[in-house]
Amino acid sequence: MKKAVLMGSLLLASGQSWAAGAADQLKQKLAEVKLFSAHFEQTVFDVKGQELQKAAGELVVSRPNRFNWHTTSPDESLIVSDGKDVWLWDPFVEQATAMTLKDAVVNTPFILISGTDDRFWKNYDVTRQGDVFTVSSRNQSELIASFRVTFDRQNNISRFDVKEAQGQWSEFHLSNFNRQPALKGNEFTFTLPKGAELDDQRR
């Protein structure tokens, strides 16, 4: 799950003017969704299209740059951004990985959904077909082949797809989309559990 989430980009398939217009349109749509929560269902496929795994959980995003991605099945994992750092927590092995937001963006344009910094967008191109936007990295050495965001008629994010460069891909379907979720106040903070191991990549 963590590998699939911490990835995203796509090969450019249009001209500069269309890409620039699509990027502005995508940023505008995202700007209108400053806070939301949703339930997600993930399906992972291999390069031949055979289903490998299913996962599910809950997602909370607060722009700019804060999110909580909690996978609850089949195994639990957590990805939290407090706006400065991103934390990956694996309770099974009791290990957390910490990285700066800037480094995390290199690994996944998914973080563009929660961000507002135009500097991050300079590394990507965007194309549009209807309500589907495809984000393309200009760095073809990245591990992801595509990241696609789909909006419904209410301009809510209904789906996104992540395709890895080697051909495996994941489909994420969102439901129970809520623009006014009740927050507890600790969704975007991470405290390392006592005795857990930390892989700190922020240094």
N, C-alpha and C. Protein backbone atom coordinates (compact mmCIF):
# COMPACT_ATOMS: atom_id res chain seq x y z
N MET A 1 0.83 -1.19 0.00
CA MET A 1 0.00 0.00 0.00
C MET A 1 0.86 1.25 0.00
N LYS A 2 1.87 1.30 0.92
CA LYS A 2 2.70 2.48 1.01
C LYS A 2 3.43 2.73 -0.29
N LYS A 3 3.91 1.66 -0.92
CA LYS A 3 4.63 1.82 -2.17
C LYS A 3 3.72 2.39 -3.24
N ALA A 4 2.48 1.90 -3.27
CA ALA A 4 1.55 2.37 -4.29
C ALA A 4 1.18 3.82 -4.07
N VAL A 5 0.99 4.19 -2.80
CA VAL A 5 0.59 5.57 -2.52
C VAL A 5 1.73 6.54 -2.77
N LEU A 6 2.94 6.18 -2.35
CA LEU A 6 4.07 7.09 -2.50
C LEU A 6 4.64 7.01 -3.90
N MET A 7 3.80 7.31 -4.89
CA MET A 7 4.21 7.29 -6.29
C MET A 7 3.21 8.02 -7.16
N GLY A 8 3.57 8.41 -8.36
CA GLY A 8 2.65 8.93 -9.34
C GLY A 8 3.29 9.84 -10.37
N SER A 9 2.95 9.70 -11.67
CA SER A 9 3.37 10.57 -12.78
C SER A 9 2.97 9.95 -14.10
N LEU A 10 3.23 10.64 -15.28
CA LEU A 10 2.81 10.07 -16.57
C LEU A 10 3.56 10.66 -17.74
N LEU A 11 3.68 9.89 -18.86
CA LEU A 11 4.33 10.38 -20.06
C LEU A 11 3.48 11.45 -20.72
N LEU A 12 4.08 12.55 -21.11
CA LEU A 12 3.36 13.67 -21.71
C LEU A 12 2.80 13.27 -23.07
N ALA A 13 1.50 13.64 -23.28
CA ALA A 13 0.86 13.26 -24.53
C ALA A 13 0.15 14.42 -25.20
N SER A 14 0.60 15.65 -24.91
CA SER A 14 -0.04 16.79 -25.55
C SER A 14 0.93 17.94 -25.63
N GLY A 15 0.48 19.04 -26.27
CA GLY A 15 1.32 20.21 -26.44
C GLY A 15 1.43 21.03 -25.18
N GLN A 16 2.37 21.98 -25.17
CA GLN A 16 2.63 22.79 -24.00
C GLN A 16 1.40 23.60 -23.60
N SER A 17 0.69 24.22 -24.54
CA SER A 17 -0.42 25.08 -24.18
C SER A 17 -1.56 24.28 -23.54
N TRP A 18 -1.86 23.09 -24.08
CA TRP A 18 -2.91 22.26 -23.51
C TRP A 18 -2.52 21.79 -22.12
N ALA A 19 -1.25 21.40 -21.95
CA ALA A 19 -0.79 20.92 -20.65
C ALA A 19 -0.89 22.02 -19.62
N ALA A 20 -0.48 23.24 -19.99
CA ALA A 20 -0.53 24.35 -19.04
C ALA A 20 -1.96 24.65 -18.64
N GLY A 21 -2.90 24.64 -19.62
CA GLY A 21 -4.29 24.89 -19.31
C GLY A 21 -4.88 23.83 -18.41
N ALA A 22 -4.57 22.58 -18.66
CA ALA A 22 -5.07 21.48 -17.84
C ALA A 22 -4.53 21.57 -16.43
N ALA A 23 -3.28 21.97 -16.27
CA ALA A 23 -2.69 22.11 -14.95
C ALA A 23 -3.41 23.18 -14.15
N ASP A 24 -3.71 24.31 -14.79
CA ASP A 24 -4.44 25.39 -14.11
C ASP A 24 -5.84 24.93 -13.71
N GLN A 25 -6.49 24.18 -14.59
CA GLN A 25 -7.83 23.69 -14.29
C GLN A 25 -7.81 22.70 -13.13
N LEU A 26 -6.81 21.83 -13.11
CA LEU A 26 -6.70 20.87 -12.02
C LEU A 26 -6.42 21.58 -10.70
N LYS A 27 -5.51 22.54 -10.72
CA LYS A 27 -5.19 23.28 -9.49
C LYS A 27 -6.42 24.02 -8.98
N GLN A 28 -7.24 24.55 -9.91
CA GLN A 28 -8.45 25.26 -9.49
C GLN A 28 -9.45 24.31 -8.83
N LYS A 29 -9.63 23.13 -9.42
CA LYS A 29 -10.54 22.15 -8.84
C LYS A 29 -10.07 21.72 -7.46
N LEU A 30 -8.77 21.50 -7.32
CA LEU A 30 -8.23 21.08 -6.03
C LEU A 30 -8.35 22.19 -5.00
N ALA A 31 -8.17 23.44 -5.45
CA ALA A 31 -8.27 24.58 -4.52
C ALA A 31 -9.66 24.72 -3.92
N GLU A 32 -10.66 24.22 -4.65
CA GLU A 32 -12.03 24.32 -4.17
C GLU A 32 -12.35 23.26 -3.11
N VAL A 33 -11.44 22.29 -2.97
CA VAL A 33 -11.63 21.23 -1.97
C VAL A 33 -10.52 21.37 -0.93
N LYS A 34 -10.69 22.29 0.00
CA LYS A 34 -9.64 22.59 0.98
C LYS A 34 -9.56 21.54 2.08
N LEU A 35 -10.66 20.88 2.35
CA LEU A 35 -10.70 19.86 3.40
C LEU A 35 -11.67 18.77 2.98
N PHE A 36 -11.27 17.51 3.14
CA PHE A 36 -12.21 16.44 2.87
C PHE A 36 -11.75 15.15 3.54
N SER A 37 -12.70 14.28 3.74
CA SER A 37 -12.42 12.92 4.18
C SER A 37 -13.14 11.97 3.23
N ALA A 38 -12.66 10.74 3.15
CA ALA A 38 -13.29 9.76 2.28
C ALA A 38 -12.85 8.35 2.68
N HIS A 39 -13.68 7.41 2.33
CA HIS A 39 -13.31 5.99 2.44
C HIS A 39 -12.71 5.58 1.10
N PHE A 40 -11.65 4.78 1.11
CA PHE A 40 -11.06 4.35 -0.16
C PHE A 40 -11.01 2.83 -0.25
N GLU A 41 -11.17 2.36 -1.46
CA GLU A 41 -11.00 0.94 -1.80
C GLU A 41 -9.91 0.87 -2.86
N GLN A 42 -8.87 0.11 -2.59
CA GLN A 42 -7.74 -0.01 -3.51
C GLN A 42 -7.67 -1.42 -4.09
N THR A 43 -7.41 -1.50 -5.40
CA THR A 43 -7.16 -2.79 -6.05
C THR A 43 -5.84 -2.69 -6.80
N VAL A 44 -4.96 -3.66 -6.56
CA VAL A 44 -3.64 -3.68 -7.20
C VAL A 44 -3.63 -4.76 -8.27
N PHE A 45 -3.11 -4.42 -9.46
CA PHE A 45 -3.03 -5.35 -10.58
C PHE A 45 -1.59 -5.53 -11.02
N ASP A 46 -1.27 -6.71 -11.56
CA ASP A 46 0.06 -6.92 -12.11
C ASP A 46 0.10 -6.44 -13.56
N VAL A 47 1.24 -6.62 -14.21
CA VAL A 47 1.43 -6.09 -15.56
C VAL A 47 0.48 -6.74 -16.58
N LYS A 48 -0.06 -7.93 -16.25
CA LYS A 48 -0.98 -8.62 -17.15
C LYS A 48 -2.43 -8.32 -16.82
N GLY A 49 -2.65 -7.49 -15.82
CA GLY A 49 -4.01 -7.15 -15.45
C GLY A 49 -4.64 -8.09 -14.45
N GLN A 50 -3.86 -8.99 -13.89
CA GLN A 50 -4.38 -9.91 -12.88
C GLN A 50 -4.39 -9.22 -11.52
N GLU A 51 -5.49 -9.40 -10.80
CA GLU A 51 -5.61 -8.78 -9.50
C GLU A 51 -4.65 -9.40 -8.50
N LEU A 52 -3.89 -8.56 -7.80
CA LEU A 52 -2.93 -9.03 -6.82
C LEU A 52 -3.41 -8.87 -5.39
N GLN A 53 -4.08 -7.75 -5.12
CA GLN A 53 -4.44 -7.45 -3.74
C GLN A 53 -5.53 -6.40 -3.67
N LYS A 54 -6.30 -6.45 -2.60
CA LYS A 54 -7.26 -5.41 -2.30
C LYS A 54 -6.94 -4.81 -0.94
N ALA A 55 -7.21 -3.53 -0.79
CA ALA A 55 -6.99 -2.86 0.49
C ALA A 55 -8.07 -1.81 0.67
N ALA A 56 -8.24 -1.37 1.90
CA ALA A 56 -9.26 -0.36 2.19
C ALA A 56 -8.85 0.44 3.40
N GLY A 57 -9.44 1.63 3.52
CA GLY A 57 -9.13 2.47 4.67
C GLY A 57 -9.79 3.82 4.57
N GLU A 58 -9.26 4.77 5.34
CA GLU A 58 -9.83 6.10 5.43
C GLU A 58 -8.77 7.16 5.11
N LEU A 59 -9.22 8.24 4.49
CA LEU A 59 -8.33 9.31 4.06
C LEU A 59 -8.89 10.65 4.51
N VAL A 60 -8.00 11.51 5.06
CA VAL A 60 -8.37 12.88 5.40
C VAL A 60 -7.31 13.80 4.82
N VAL A 61 -7.74 14.84 4.11
CA VAL A 61 -6.82 15.81 3.50
C VAL A 61 -7.22 17.21 3.91
N SER A 62 -6.25 18.02 4.33
CA SER A 62 -6.47 19.42 4.64
C SER A 62 -5.38 20.22 3.95
N ARG A 63 -5.78 20.99 2.94
CA ARG A 63 -4.82 21.81 2.22
C ARG A 63 -4.50 23.07 3.01
N PRO A 64 -3.22 23.48 3.05
CA PRO A 64 -2.14 22.90 2.26
C PRO A 64 -1.31 21.85 3.03
N ASN A 65 -1.01 20.78 2.32
CA ASN A 65 0.06 19.84 2.66
C ASN A 65 -0.16 18.96 3.89
N ARG A 66 -1.39 18.82 4.35
CA ARG A 66 -1.62 17.95 5.49
C ARG A 66 -2.58 16.82 5.08
N PHE A 67 -2.23 15.60 5.42
CA PHE A 67 -3.11 14.50 5.14
C PHE A 67 -2.85 13.32 6.08
N ASN A 68 -3.85 12.47 6.17
CA ASN A 68 -3.79 11.25 6.99
C ASN A 68 -4.36 10.13 6.16
N TRP A 69 -3.50 9.18 5.80
CA TRP A 69 -3.91 8.06 4.95
C TRP A 69 -3.78 6.79 5.79
N HIS A 70 -4.92 6.24 6.22
CA HIS A 70 -4.94 5.12 7.15
C HIS A 70 -5.50 3.88 6.46
N THR A 71 -4.63 2.95 6.14
CA THR A 71 -5.06 1.67 5.59
C THR A 71 -5.43 0.75 6.74
N THR A 72 -6.63 0.19 6.69
CA THR A 72 -7.11 -0.66 7.78
C THR A 72 -7.17 -2.14 7.43
N SER A 73 -7.21 -2.47 6.14
CA SER A 73 -7.24 -3.87 5.74
C SER A 73 -6.60 -4.03 4.36
N PRO A 74 -5.98 -5.17 4.07
CA PRO A 74 -5.87 -6.34 4.94
C PRO A 74 -4.85 -6.16 6.07
N ASP A 75 -3.90 -5.22 5.90
CA ASP A 75 -2.93 -4.92 6.94
C ASP A 75 -2.99 -3.43 7.25
N GLU A 76 -2.69 -3.08 8.46
CA GLU A 76 -2.75 -1.68 8.85
C GLU A 76 -1.45 -0.95 8.52
N SER A 77 -1.57 0.28 8.03
CA SER A 77 -0.43 1.17 7.83
C SER A 77 -0.95 2.60 7.86
N LEU A 78 -0.04 3.53 8.05
CA LEU A 78 -0.44 4.92 8.20
C LEU A 78 0.57 5.83 7.53
N ILE A 79 0.08 6.82 6.78
CA ILE A 79 0.92 7.86 6.21
C ILE A 79 0.35 9.19 6.65
N VAL A 80 1.16 10.01 7.31
CA VAL A 80 0.71 11.28 7.87
C VAL A 80 1.64 12.39 7.43
N SER A 81 1.06 13.50 6.99
CA SER A 81 1.84 14.71 6.70
C SER A 81 1.33 15.82 7.60
N ASP A 82 2.26 16.48 8.31
CA ASP A 82 1.89 17.60 9.17
C ASP A 82 2.11 18.94 8.48
N GLY A 83 2.40 18.90 7.17
CA GLY A 83 2.65 20.11 6.41
C GLY A 83 4.12 20.39 6.21
N LYS A 84 4.97 19.71 6.98
CA LYS A 84 6.41 19.88 6.87
C LYS A 84 7.10 18.55 6.63
N ASP A 85 6.71 17.55 7.38
CA ASP A 85 7.30 16.22 7.28
C ASP A 85 6.23 15.19 6.97
N VAL A 86 6.64 14.09 6.35
CA VAL A 86 5.76 12.97 6.05
C VAL A 86 6.25 11.74 6.81
N TRP A 87 5.31 11.08 7.47
CA TRP A 87 5.62 9.92 8.30
C TRP A 87 4.92 8.69 7.73
N LEU A 88 5.67 7.58 7.62
CA LEU A 88 5.11 6.30 7.22
C LEU A 88 5.25 5.36 8.40
N TRP A 89 4.14 4.81 8.85
CA TRP A 89 4.15 3.96 10.03
C TRP A 89 3.64 2.57 9.68
N ASP A 90 4.44 1.56 10.03
CA ASP A 90 4.08 0.16 9.83
C ASP A 90 4.00 -0.50 11.21
N PRO A 91 2.80 -0.65 11.76
CA PRO A 91 2.69 -1.20 13.11
C PRO A 91 3.11 -2.67 13.22
N PHE A 92 3.08 -3.40 12.10
CA PHE A 92 3.44 -4.82 12.15
C PHE A 92 4.90 -5.00 12.54
N VAL A 93 5.78 -4.16 11.96
CA VAL A 93 7.21 -4.24 12.28
C VAL A 93 7.62 -3.15 13.26
N GLU A 94 6.65 -2.34 13.69
CA GLU A 94 6.88 -1.26 14.64
C GLU A 94 8.01 -0.34 14.16
N GLN A 95 7.88 0.11 12.92
CA GLN A 95 8.88 0.99 12.33
C GLN A 95 8.22 2.17 11.64
N ALA A 96 8.81 3.34 11.81
CA ALA A 96 8.33 4.55 11.14
C ALA A 96 9.45 5.11 10.27
N THR A 97 9.08 5.67 9.14
CA THR A 97 10.01 6.37 8.26
C THR A 97 9.57 7.82 8.17
N ALA A 98 10.53 8.73 8.34
CA ALA A 98 10.23 10.15 8.26
C ALA A 98 11.02 10.77 7.13
N MET A 99 10.37 11.63 6.34
CA MET A 99 11.03 12.35 5.26
C MET A 99 10.44 13.74 5.16
N THR A 100 11.16 14.65 4.54
CA THR A 100 10.63 15.99 4.35
C THR A 100 9.55 15.95 3.28
N LEU A 101 8.65 16.92 3.34
CA LEU A 101 7.59 17.01 2.34
C LEU A 101 8.18 17.14 0.94
N LYS A 102 9.25 17.92 0.81
CA LYS A 102 9.87 18.12 -0.50
C LYS A 102 10.36 16.80 -1.08
N ASP A 103 10.99 15.97 -0.27
CA ASP A 103 11.48 14.68 -0.75
C ASP A 103 10.33 13.74 -1.06
N ALA A 104 9.25 13.83 -0.29
CA ALA A 104 8.09 12.97 -0.53
C ALA A 104 7.42 13.30 -1.86
N VAL A 105 7.40 14.59 -2.21
CA VAL A 105 6.79 15.00 -3.48
C VAL A 105 7.53 14.39 -4.65
N VAL A 106 8.84 14.24 -4.53
CA VAL A 106 9.63 13.61 -5.60
C VAL A 106 9.12 12.21 -5.88
N ASN A 107 8.62 11.53 -4.85
CA ASN A 107 8.17 10.15 -5.00
C ASN A 107 6.71 10.02 -5.40
N THR A 108 5.92 11.06 -5.23
CA THR A 108 4.51 10.93 -5.55
C THR A 108 3.81 12.25 -5.81
N PRO A 109 3.30 12.47 -7.01
CA PRO A 109 2.45 13.62 -7.26
C PRO A 109 1.13 13.55 -6.50
N PHE A 110 0.83 12.42 -5.83
CA PHE A 110 -0.36 12.37 -4.99
C PHE A 110 -0.35 13.53 -4.00
N ILE A 111 0.85 13.91 -3.53
CA ILE A 111 0.95 14.97 -2.55
C ILE A 111 0.54 16.31 -3.16
N LEU A 112 0.53 16.40 -4.50
CA LEU A 112 0.05 17.62 -5.13
C LEU A 112 -1.42 17.87 -4.80
N ILE A 113 -2.18 16.82 -4.50
CA ILE A 113 -3.58 16.98 -4.15
C ILE A 113 -3.72 17.80 -2.88
N SER A 114 -2.78 17.65 -1.97
CA SER A 114 -2.87 18.36 -0.69
C SER A 114 -2.06 19.64 -0.66
N GLY A 115 -1.26 19.91 -1.71
CA GLY A 115 -0.36 21.05 -1.69
C GLY A 115 -0.87 22.25 -2.45
N THR A 116 -0.24 23.40 -2.17
CA THR A 116 -0.59 24.65 -2.86
C THR A 116 0.65 25.36 -3.40
N ASP A 117 1.80 24.73 -3.27
CA ASP A 117 3.06 25.36 -3.68
C ASP A 117 3.30 25.13 -5.17
N ASP A 118 3.28 26.22 -5.96
CA ASP A 118 3.47 26.10 -7.40
C ASP A 118 4.85 25.56 -7.77
N ARG A 119 5.82 25.67 -6.85
CA ARG A 119 7.15 25.16 -7.16
C ARG A 119 7.12 23.65 -7.41
N PHE A 120 6.24 22.94 -6.71
CA PHE A 120 6.13 21.50 -6.90
C PHE A 120 5.58 21.17 -8.29
N TRP A 121 4.66 22.01 -8.78
CA TRP A 121 4.01 21.73 -10.06
C TRP A 121 4.95 21.94 -11.25
N LYS A 122 6.03 22.66 -11.05
CA LYS A 122 6.96 22.92 -12.15
C LYS A 122 7.59 21.65 -12.70
N ASN A 123 7.58 20.59 -11.91
CA ASN A 123 8.20 19.33 -12.33
C ASN A 123 7.23 18.39 -13.04
N TYR A 124 6.00 18.85 -13.27
CA TYR A 124 4.99 17.96 -13.84
C TYR A 124 4.20 18.65 -14.96
N ASP A 125 3.70 17.83 -15.87
CA ASP A 125 2.78 18.27 -16.91
C ASP A 125 1.44 17.60 -16.66
N VAL A 126 0.38 18.26 -17.12
CA VAL A 126 -0.97 17.74 -16.88
C VAL A 126 -1.77 17.75 -18.18
N THR A 127 -2.48 16.66 -18.45
CA THR A 127 -3.41 16.60 -19.57
C THR A 127 -4.80 16.31 -19.03
N ARG A 128 -5.82 16.65 -19.83
CA ARG A 128 -7.20 16.47 -19.39
C ARG A 128 -8.05 15.84 -20.47
N GLN A 129 -8.91 14.91 -20.05
CA GLN A 129 -9.96 14.36 -20.90
C GLN A 129 -11.23 14.35 -20.08
N GLY A 130 -12.13 15.30 -20.34
CA GLY A 130 -13.34 15.40 -19.55
C GLY A 130 -13.02 15.75 -18.11
N ASP A 131 -13.47 14.92 -17.18
CA ASP A 131 -13.23 15.13 -15.76
C ASP A 131 -12.05 14.32 -15.25
N VAL A 132 -11.22 13.83 -16.16
CA VAL A 132 -10.06 13.02 -15.80
C VAL A 132 -8.78 13.78 -16.13
N PHE A 133 -7.94 13.96 -15.12
CA PHE A 133 -6.66 14.67 -15.28
C PHE A 133 -5.51 13.69 -15.06
N THR A 134 -4.54 13.75 -15.95
CA THR A 134 -3.37 12.88 -15.84
C THR A 134 -2.13 13.73 -15.58
N VAL A 135 -1.42 13.40 -14.53
CA VAL A 135 -0.23 14.13 -14.11
C VAL A 135 1.01 13.39 -14.61
N SER A 136 1.90 14.14 -15.30
CA SER A 136 3.08 13.53 -15.93
C SER A 136 4.35 14.14 -15.37
N SER A 137 5.23 13.30 -14.87
CA SER A 137 6.51 13.79 -14.39
C SER A 137 7.45 14.06 -15.55
N ARG A 138 8.21 15.15 -15.45
CA ARG A 138 9.22 15.44 -16.47
C ARG A 138 10.51 14.67 -16.23
N ASN A 139 10.56 13.96 -15.11
CA ASN A 139 11.72 13.12 -14.77
C ASN A 139 11.35 11.68 -15.05
N GLN A 140 11.78 11.15 -16.18
CA GLN A 140 11.38 9.81 -16.58
C GLN A 140 12.11 8.71 -15.82
N SER A 141 13.01 9.09 -14.90
CA SER A 141 13.69 8.09 -14.09
C SER A 141 12.88 7.73 -12.85
N GLU A 142 11.76 8.41 -12.61
CA GLU A 142 10.93 8.10 -11.46
C GLU A 142 10.27 6.73 -11.63
N LEU A 143 9.83 6.18 -10.51
CA LEU A 143 9.32 4.81 -10.49
C LEU A 143 7.88 4.70 -10.99
N ILE A 144 7.21 5.84 -11.16
CA ILE A 144 5.80 5.82 -11.53
C ILE A 144 5.61 6.20 -12.99
N ALA A 145 4.68 5.52 -13.64
CA ALA A 145 4.39 5.82 -15.04
C ALA A 145 3.23 6.79 -15.17
N SER A 146 2.24 6.74 -14.25
CA SER A 146 1.10 7.65 -14.37
C SER A 146 0.38 7.85 -13.06
N PHE A 147 -0.23 9.01 -12.94
CA PHE A 147 -1.08 9.36 -11.80
C PHE A 147 -2.29 10.09 -12.36
N ARG A 148 -3.47 9.53 -12.18
CA ARG A 148 -4.67 10.07 -12.81
C ARG A 148 -5.74 10.36 -11.77
N VAL A 149 -6.35 11.54 -11.84
CA VAL A 149 -7.37 11.97 -10.88
C VAL A 149 -8.69 12.16 -11.62
N THR A 150 -9.77 11.60 -11.09
CA THR A 150 -11.09 11.71 -11.69
C THR A 150 -12.05 12.42 -10.72
N PHE A 151 -12.80 13.40 -11.25
CA PHE A 151 -13.79 14.13 -10.46
C PHE A 151 -15.20 13.70 -10.87
N ASP A 152 -16.14 13.76 -9.91
CA ASP A 152 -17.53 13.46 -10.24
C ASP A 152 -18.27 14.77 -10.57
N ARG A 153 -19.58 14.71 -10.74
CA ARG A 153 -20.36 15.87 -11.16
C ARG A 153 -20.41 16.95 -10.08
N GLN A 154 -20.14 16.59 -8.84
CA GLN A 154 -20.11 17.57 -7.75
C GLN A 154 -18.69 18.11 -7.52
N ASN A 155 -17.78 17.79 -8.46
CA ASN A 155 -16.38 18.19 -8.36
C ASN A 155 -15.68 17.59 -7.14
N ASN A 156 -16.19 16.46 -6.67
CA ASN A 156 -15.49 15.69 -5.65
C ASN A 156 -14.55 14.70 -6.33
N ILE A 157 -13.45 14.39 -5.68
CA ILE A 157 -12.54 13.39 -6.22
C ILE A 157 -13.18 12.02 -6.03
N SER A 158 -13.43 11.32 -7.12
CA SER A 158 -14.10 10.03 -7.03
C SER A 158 -13.16 8.85 -7.24
N ARG A 159 -12.01 9.13 -7.84
CA ARG A 159 -11.09 8.02 -8.16
C ARG A 159 -9.73 8.57 -8.53
N PHE A 160 -8.69 7.80 -8.24
CA PHE A 160 -7.40 8.07 -8.86
C PHE A 160 -6.67 6.76 -9.09
N ASP A 161 -5.81 6.78 -10.08
CA ASP A 161 -5.08 5.59 -10.52
C ASP A 161 -3.59 5.87 -10.52
N VAL A 162 -2.82 4.90 -10.07
CA VAL A 162 -1.36 5.01 -10.04
C VAL A 162 -0.77 3.84 -10.80
N LYS A 163 0.02 4.15 -11.82
CA LYS A 163 0.65 3.09 -12.62
C LYS A 163 2.16 3.19 -12.48
N GLU A 164 2.78 2.09 -12.08
CA GLU A 164 4.23 2.06 -11.92
C GLU A 164 4.91 1.87 -13.27
N ALA A 165 6.17 2.30 -13.34
CA ALA A 165 6.91 2.23 -14.60
C ALA A 165 7.05 0.79 -15.10
N GLN A 166 7.08 -0.18 -14.18
CA GLN A 166 7.24 -1.58 -14.58
C GLN A 166 5.92 -2.24 -14.98
N GLY A 167 4.82 -1.48 -14.90
CA GLY A 167 3.57 -2.00 -15.42
C GLY A 167 2.50 -2.31 -14.38
N GLN A 168 2.87 -2.52 -13.13
CA GLN A 168 1.87 -2.77 -12.09
C GLN A 168 1.11 -1.48 -11.82
N TRP A 169 -0.20 -1.58 -11.52
CA TRP A 169 -0.95 -0.36 -11.23
C TRP A 169 -1.98 -0.60 -10.13
N SER A 170 -2.42 0.51 -9.53
CA SER A 170 -3.43 0.48 -8.47
C SER A 170 -4.57 1.41 -8.83
N GLU A 171 -5.79 0.97 -8.52
CA GLU A 171 -6.97 1.80 -8.70
C GLU A 171 -7.54 2.11 -7.32
N PHE A 172 -7.83 3.39 -7.07
CA PHE A 172 -8.39 3.83 -5.80
C PHE A 172 -9.77 4.43 -6.06
N HIS A 173 -10.80 3.86 -5.45
CA HIS A 173 -12.15 4.38 -5.58
C HIS A 173 -12.55 5.00 -4.24
N LEU A 174 -12.99 6.27 -4.28
CA LEU A 174 -13.37 6.98 -3.07
C LEU A 174 -14.88 7.00 -2.91
N SER A 175 -15.33 6.86 -1.68
CA SER A 175 -16.76 6.93 -1.35
C SER A 175 -16.90 7.69 -0.03
N ASN A 176 -18.15 8.05 0.31
CA ASN A 176 -18.43 8.82 1.53
C ASN A 176 -17.60 10.10 1.56
N PHE A 177 -17.48 10.75 0.42
CA PHE A 177 -16.69 11.97 0.32
C PHE A 177 -17.37 13.07 1.13
N ASN A 178 -16.62 13.67 2.06
CA ASN A 178 -17.19 14.65 2.98
C ASN A 178 -16.29 15.88 3.04
N ARG A 179 -16.83 17.03 2.64
CA ARG A 179 -16.06 18.27 2.66
C ARG A 179 -16.09 18.97 4.01
N GLN A 180 -16.86 18.45 4.95
CA GLN A 180 -16.93 19.04 6.28
C GLN A 180 -16.80 17.95 7.35
N PRO A 181 -15.70 17.21 7.33
CA PRO A 181 -15.54 16.15 8.33
C PRO A 181 -15.29 16.72 9.73
N ALA A 182 -15.74 16.00 10.73
CA ALA A 182 -15.47 16.38 12.12
C ALA A 182 -14.08 15.87 12.49
N LEU A 183 -13.17 16.78 12.77
CA LEU A 183 -11.79 16.42 13.09
C LEU A 183 -11.57 16.36 14.59
N LYS A 184 -10.72 15.44 15.01
CA LYS A 184 -10.39 15.29 16.42
C LYS A 184 -9.27 16.23 16.84
N GLY A 185 -8.47 16.70 15.86
CA GLY A 185 -7.39 17.62 16.16
C GLY A 185 -6.01 17.02 16.07
N ASN A 186 -5.92 15.69 15.99
CA ASN A 186 -4.61 15.03 15.93
C ASN A 186 -4.41 14.24 14.64
N GLU A 187 -5.27 14.49 13.65
CA GLU A 187 -5.18 13.72 12.41
C GLU A 187 -3.87 13.93 11.67
N PHE A 188 -3.27 15.10 11.80
CA PHE A 188 -2.11 15.45 10.98
C PHE A 188 -0.82 15.54 11.81
N THR A 189 -0.81 14.87 12.93
CA THR A 189 0.41 14.77 13.74
C THR A 189 0.74 13.30 13.96
N PHE A 190 2.03 13.02 14.08
CA PHE A 190 2.45 11.64 14.33
C PHE A 190 3.41 11.62 15.51
N THR A 191 3.13 10.76 16.44
CA THR A 191 3.99 10.56 17.61
C THR A 191 4.56 9.15 17.56
N LEU A 192 5.86 9.03 17.55
CA LEU A 192 6.50 7.71 17.47
C LEU A 192 6.17 6.92 18.73
N PRO A 193 5.57 5.75 18.56
CA PRO A 193 5.26 4.93 19.74
C PRO A 193 6.53 4.52 20.48
N LYS A 194 6.40 4.39 21.78
CA LYS A 194 7.53 4.01 22.62
C LYS A 194 8.08 2.66 22.19
N GLY A 195 9.39 2.61 21.99
CA GLY A 195 10.04 1.36 21.61
C GLY A 195 10.08 1.11 20.11
N ALA A 196 9.42 1.96 19.32
CA ALA A 196 9.40 1.76 17.87
C ALA A 196 10.69 2.27 17.23
N GLU A 197 11.03 1.71 16.09
CA GLU A 197 12.24 2.10 15.35
C GLU A 197 11.92 3.23 14.39
N LEU A 198 12.85 4.19 14.26
CA LEU A 198 12.66 5.32 13.35
C LEU A 198 13.74 5.34 12.30
N ASP A 199 13.33 5.34 11.03
CA ASP A 199 14.24 5.55 9.92
C ASP A 199 14.07 7.02 9.49
N ASP A 200 14.93 7.88 10.00
CA ASP A 200 14.79 9.31 9.78
C ASP A 200 15.61 9.72 8.56
N GLN A 201 14.91 10.02 7.45
CA GLN A 201 15.57 10.41 6.20
C GLN A 201 15.59 11.91 5.99
N ARG A 202 15.27 12.67 7.03
CA ARG A 202 15.20 14.12 6.92
C ARG A 202 16.58 14.78 7.06
N ARG A 203 17.55 14.05 7.54
CA ARG A 203 18.88 14.62 7.76
C ARG A 203 19.62 14.80 6.44
